[in-house]
Amino acid sequence: MKTLTPEQLYMHHNQLTGLMIIVWVVFSYLGYKIKDIKQKQYISYSIIIFALLQEILDYTNRIFLDEAYTLSFKADLPLQFCQFGFYFSIIGIFVAANNKKINPKIEQFLFDCAYVLGLAGALQAMITVDLTGINNQIGIYALNWQHSLIILNVLWLVFAYNKRFTVRGIFNAFVFINIVIWPVGFINYLLNANYMFVCRPPNIDSSFFIGEWPFYLFWLELIYFLYIIILYIPFKIIDIISKKT
């Protein structure tokens, strides 16, 4: 498949982002308005299937279609924050749509992590796009969907299944982030990789990454904790309004 210039890649990414914003609004509205359980299940399973097909398309492109890309354990394991959020959001939708419920605390934990990693990680990644390893049109579409589908999934959980982020969720997500970086850091050491950017900052211009290693990690801790608290505010406002009505 034809290799594109960075300018062309950014253009395709921005065009798809505009389309996905419309999709976010449409699915949020559908989730809020549709009351029939079967219809919600049909849409939920369709979202899951599309998300998984996107993953298959992404790795098919990396392995077979992108001649300029070389697949490696160093760069292609699903160990970034956004990918954790992506899979947590898919599992969260499946659990919410399935009649066989699991432990409510586990279900809430899945949503908490998907919500934080989705909006903190995916949204930031869509604003400051990292083109490392992206060479063709399929690659840039897959990159966009890897992030925009997390946001879609989270919005669907909020509006279709009334999921809510709580004070406990602030600590759930923060603790998960601080626990998971240790095994991922060990994998980075073994592979000389940089999953979750715990070894060096990403190749982007971002105000989130302040200073050199390891100091930017401490700044990220503070920034992400404040960001998580900000993400809680909309749900706190909803809770206050609902108590008054």
Protein backbone atom coordinates (compact mmCIF):
# COMPACT_ATOMS: atom_id res chain seq x y z
CA MET A 1 0.00 0.00 0.00
CA LYS A 2 1.19 3.51 -0.87
CA THR A 3 3.26 5.33 1.76
CA LEU A 4 1.86 8.78 2.62
CA THR A 5 3.61 11.94 3.72
CA PRO A 6 3.14 13.21 7.30
CA GLU A 7 0.95 16.01 5.96
CA GLN A 8 -1.33 13.50 4.23
CA LEU A 9 -1.47 11.32 7.33
CA TYR A 10 -2.44 14.27 9.54
CA MET A 11 -5.12 15.28 7.02
CA HIS A 12 -6.70 11.80 7.00
CA HIS A 13 -6.52 11.64 10.80
CA ASN A 14 -8.22 15.01 11.22
CA GLN A 15 -10.94 14.14 8.68
CA LEU A 16 -11.72 10.89 10.49
CA THR A 17 -11.69 12.69 13.85
CA GLY A 18 -14.37 15.07 12.57
CA LEU A 19 -16.48 12.10 11.49
CA MET A 20 -15.97 10.30 14.80
CA ILE A 21 -17.10 13.35 16.78
CA ILE A 22 -20.43 13.09 14.93
CA VAL A 23 -20.53 9.35 15.69
CA TRP A 24 -19.93 10.08 19.41
CA VAL A 25 -22.88 12.47 19.48
CA VAL A 26 -25.18 10.09 17.57
CA PHE A 27 -24.39 7.06 19.75
CA SER A 28 -24.69 9.10 22.94
CA TYR A 29 -28.15 10.19 21.83
CA LEU A 30 -29.15 6.65 20.85
CA GLY A 31 -27.91 5.29 24.16
CA TYR A 32 -29.96 7.86 26.03
CA LYS A 33 -33.17 7.46 23.99
CA ILE A 34 -33.32 3.71 23.35
CA LYS A 35 -34.99 1.84 26.18
CA ASP A 36 -35.41 -1.57 24.55
CA ILE A 37 -32.83 -3.98 26.00
CA LYS A 38 -32.55 -6.07 22.81
CA GLN A 39 -31.83 -3.00 20.69
CA LYS A 40 -29.15 -1.90 23.12
CA GLN A 41 -27.62 -5.37 23.03
CA TYR A 42 -27.59 -5.37 19.21
CA ILE A 43 -25.80 -2.00 19.12
CA SER A 44 -23.43 -3.06 21.92
CA TYR A 45 -22.35 -6.24 20.17
CA SER A 46 -21.98 -4.32 16.89
CA ILE A 47 -19.65 -1.85 18.62
CA ILE A 48 -17.61 -4.72 20.07
CA ILE A 49 -17.34 -6.49 16.69
CA PHE A 50 -16.27 -3.30 14.91
CA ALA A 51 -13.67 -2.58 17.60
CA LEU A 52 -12.20 -6.08 17.32
CA LEU A 53 -12.22 -5.93 13.51
CA GLN A 54 -10.30 -2.67 13.80
CA GLU A 55 -7.63 -4.50 15.80
CA ILE A 56 -7.45 -7.26 13.18
CA LEU A 57 -7.18 -4.63 10.42
CA ASP A 58 -4.44 -2.83 12.32
CA TYR A 59 -2.24 -5.91 12.76
CA THR A 60 -2.97 -7.10 9.22
CA ASN A 61 -1.71 -3.76 7.97
CA ARG A 62 1.41 -3.93 10.15
CA ILE A 63 2.27 -7.48 9.09
CA PHE A 64 1.23 -7.64 5.44
CA LEU A 65 0.21 -4.30 3.89
CA ASP A 66 2.68 -1.72 5.24
CA GLU A 67 5.97 -2.51 3.50
CA ALA A 68 7.76 0.18 5.50
CA TYR A 69 6.80 -1.36 8.86
CA THR A 70 8.52 -4.18 10.73
CA LEU A 71 6.51 -5.96 13.42
CA SER A 72 8.38 -6.44 16.71
CA PHE A 73 7.81 -7.30 20.37
CA LYS A 74 9.54 -4.01 21.16
CA ALA A 75 6.75 -1.89 19.68
CA ASP A 76 3.67 -3.98 18.96
CA LEU A 77 2.51 -5.56 22.20
CA PRO A 78 -0.83 -4.13 23.50
CA LEU A 79 0.76 -2.52 26.56
CA GLN A 80 0.03 1.18 26.20
CA PHE A 81 -2.39 2.97 28.52
CA CYS A 82 -4.81 3.54 25.65
CA GLN A 83 -4.83 -0.15 24.76
CA PHE A 84 -5.68 -1.10 28.34
CA GLY A 85 -8.52 1.41 28.20
CA PHE A 86 -9.59 0.05 24.80
CA TYR A 87 -9.91 -3.56 26.00
CA PHE A 88 -11.42 -2.57 29.34
CA SER A 89 -14.11 -0.59 27.50
CA ILE A 90 -14.89 -3.55 25.21
CA ILE A 91 -15.16 -5.92 28.18
CA GLY A 92 -17.24 -3.32 30.01
CA ILE A 93 -19.76 -3.13 27.14
CA PHE A 94 -19.93 -6.92 26.89
CA VAL A 95 -20.59 -7.26 30.62
CA ALA A 96 -23.19 -4.47 30.61
CA ALA A 97 -25.01 -5.95 27.60
CA ASN A 98 -24.90 -9.53 28.89
CA ASN A 99 -27.66 -10.75 31.17
CA LYS A 100 -25.17 -12.71 33.28
CA LYS A 101 -23.72 -10.02 35.53
CA ILE A 102 -20.36 -10.26 37.24
CA ASN A 103 -19.33 -8.77 40.57
CA PRO A 104 -20.57 -5.13 40.55
CA LYS A 105 -17.24 -3.94 41.96
CA ILE A 106 -15.33 -5.55 39.07
CA GLU A 107 -17.81 -4.10 36.57
CA GLN A 108 -17.36 -0.64 38.10
CA PHE A 109 -13.57 -1.06 38.11
CA LEU A 110 -13.63 -1.84 34.37
CA PHE A 111 -15.62 1.31 33.70
CA ASP A 112 -13.44 3.48 35.95
CA CYS A 113 -10.24 2.44 34.19
CA ALA A 114 -11.78 2.64 30.71
CA TYR A 115 -13.17 6.10 31.46
CA VAL A 116 -9.92 7.52 32.82
CA LEU A 117 -7.57 5.85 30.35
CA GLY A 118 -9.98 6.62 27.54
CA LEU A 119 -10.49 10.31 28.16
CA ALA A 120 -7.08 11.03 29.70
CA GLY A 121 -5.04 8.91 27.29
CA ALA A 122 -7.06 8.58 24.10
CA LEU A 123 -8.21 12.19 23.91
CA GLN A 124 -4.67 13.44 24.49
CA ALA A 125 -3.37 11.05 21.82
CA MET A 126 -5.92 12.37 19.32
CA ILE A 127 -4.93 15.97 20.01
CA THR A 128 -1.16 15.36 19.91
CA VAL A 129 -0.86 12.69 17.22
CA ASP A 130 2.26 10.51 17.26
CA LEU A 131 2.97 9.21 13.73
CA THR A 132 5.72 6.82 14.81
CA GLY A 133 5.27 3.63 12.79
CA ILE A 134 2.35 5.04 10.76
CA ASN A 135 3.00 5.06 7.02
CA ASN A 136 -0.23 4.53 5.06
CA GLN A 137 -3.94 5.33 5.07
CA ILE A 138 -5.01 2.13 6.83
CA GLY A 139 -2.40 2.79 9.52
CA ILE A 140 -3.69 6.28 10.27
CA TYR A 141 -7.31 5.08 10.30
CA ALA A 142 -6.40 2.29 12.72
CA LEU A 143 -4.49 4.76 14.90
CA ASN A 144 -7.50 7.06 15.04
CA TRP A 145 -9.96 4.25 15.78
CA GLN A 146 -7.72 2.86 18.53
CA HIS A 147 -8.35 6.11 20.39
CA SER A 148 -11.72 7.38 19.16
CA LEU A 149 -13.40 4.01 19.74
CA ILE A 150 -12.39 4.10 23.41
CA ILE A 151 -14.25 7.40 23.76
CA LEU A 152 -17.22 5.99 21.83
CA ASN A 153 -17.29 2.91 24.06
CA VAL A 154 -17.17 4.98 27.24
CA LEU A 155 -19.93 7.32 26.03
CA TRP A 156 -22.06 4.29 25.17
CA LEU A 157 -21.56 2.89 28.66
CA VAL A 158 -22.51 6.24 30.20
CA PHE A 159 -25.62 6.93 28.13
CA ALA A 160 -26.87 3.42 27.33
CA TYR A 161 -26.08 1.69 30.63
CA ASN A 162 -26.02 4.64 33.04
CA LYS A 163 -22.44 4.03 34.18
CA ARG A 164 -21.11 6.65 36.55
CA PHE A 165 -17.63 7.67 37.67
CA THR A 166 -17.39 7.99 41.46
CA VAL A 167 -14.95 9.19 44.11
CA ARG A 168 -13.92 5.57 44.57
CA GLY A 169 -13.28 5.45 40.82
CA ILE A 170 -10.68 8.20 41.19
CA PHE A 171 -8.62 5.94 43.41
CA ASN A 172 -9.42 2.77 41.43
CA ALA A 173 -7.98 4.25 38.25
CA PHE A 174 -5.03 5.93 39.96
CA VAL A 175 -4.05 2.75 41.81
CA PHE A 176 -4.36 0.65 38.64
CA ILE A 177 -2.09 3.04 36.73
CA ASN A 178 0.54 2.92 39.45
CA ILE A 179 0.42 -0.86 39.75
CA VAL A 180 0.47 -1.75 36.07
CA ILE A 181 3.53 0.38 35.26
CA TRP A 182 5.75 -1.98 37.25
CA PRO A 183 5.30 -5.17 35.20
CA VAL A 184 5.22 -3.08 32.02
CA GLY A 185 8.44 -1.36 33.11
CA PHE A 186 10.03 -4.79 33.61
CA ILE A 187 8.95 -5.80 30.09
CA ASN A 188 10.46 -2.56 28.81
CA TYR A 189 13.73 -3.50 30.52
CA LEU A 190 13.75 -6.96 28.93
CA LEU A 191 12.87 -5.72 25.42
CA ASN A 192 14.52 -2.29 25.53
CA ALA A 193 11.04 -0.93 24.78
CA ASN A 194 9.08 2.10 25.94
CA TYR A 195 5.53 0.94 26.62
CA MET A 196 3.46 3.47 28.59
CA PHE A 197 6.35 5.90 28.00
CA VAL A 198 7.87 5.02 31.37
CA CYS A 199 11.41 5.03 29.94
CA ARG A 200 11.30 8.17 27.81
CA PRO A 201 8.70 10.71 26.64
CA PRO A 202 6.79 10.08 23.38
CA ASN A 203 7.86 11.65 20.12
CA ILE A 204 5.32 14.49 20.38
CA ASP A 205 5.14 18.07 21.58
CA SER A 206 3.03 17.74 24.75
CA SER A 207 2.81 19.92 27.84
CA PHE A 208 2.11 16.75 29.86
CA PHE A 209 5.72 15.60 29.67
CA ILE A 210 7.85 18.02 31.68
CA GLY A 211 11.59 17.45 32.02
CA GLU A 212 13.70 14.39 31.41
CA TRP A 213 13.51 10.87 32.82
CA PRO A 214 12.64 10.13 35.57
CA PHE A 215 11.36 13.58 36.59
CA TYR A 216 8.61 13.75 33.97
CA LEU A 217 7.08 10.62 35.54
CA PHE A 218 6.48 12.48 38.82
CA TRP A 219 4.89 15.37 36.94
CA LEU A 220 2.68 12.86 35.10
CA GLU A 221 1.56 11.42 38.44
CA LEU A 222 0.41 14.85 39.60
CA ILE A 223 -1.11 15.86 36.26
CA TYR A 224 -3.02 12.60 35.84
CA PHE A 225 -4.38 12.71 39.39
CA LEU A 226 -5.65 16.27 38.82
CA TYR A 227 -7.00 15.20 35.42
CA ILE A 228 -8.88 12.29 37.01
CA ILE A 229 -10.47 14.67 39.54
CA ILE A 230 -11.56 16.95 36.67
CA LEU A 231 -13.11 13.93 34.92
CA TYR A 232 -15.15 13.30 38.07
CA ILE A 233 -16.68 16.80 38.12
CA PRO A 234 -19.39 16.19 35.42
CA PHE A 235 -20.72 13.20 37.36
CA LYS A 236 -20.67 15.17 40.61
CA ILE A 237 -22.72 17.89 38.94
CA ILE A 238 -25.20 15.29 37.64
CA ASP A 239 -25.44 13.80 41.13
CA ILE A 240 -26.17 17.23 42.68
CA ILE A 241 -28.82 18.04 40.05
CA SER A 242 -30.55 14.66 40.43
CA LYS A 243 -30.73 15.09 44.20
CA LYS A 244 -32.44 18.47 43.81
CA THR A 245 -35.06 17.18 41.33
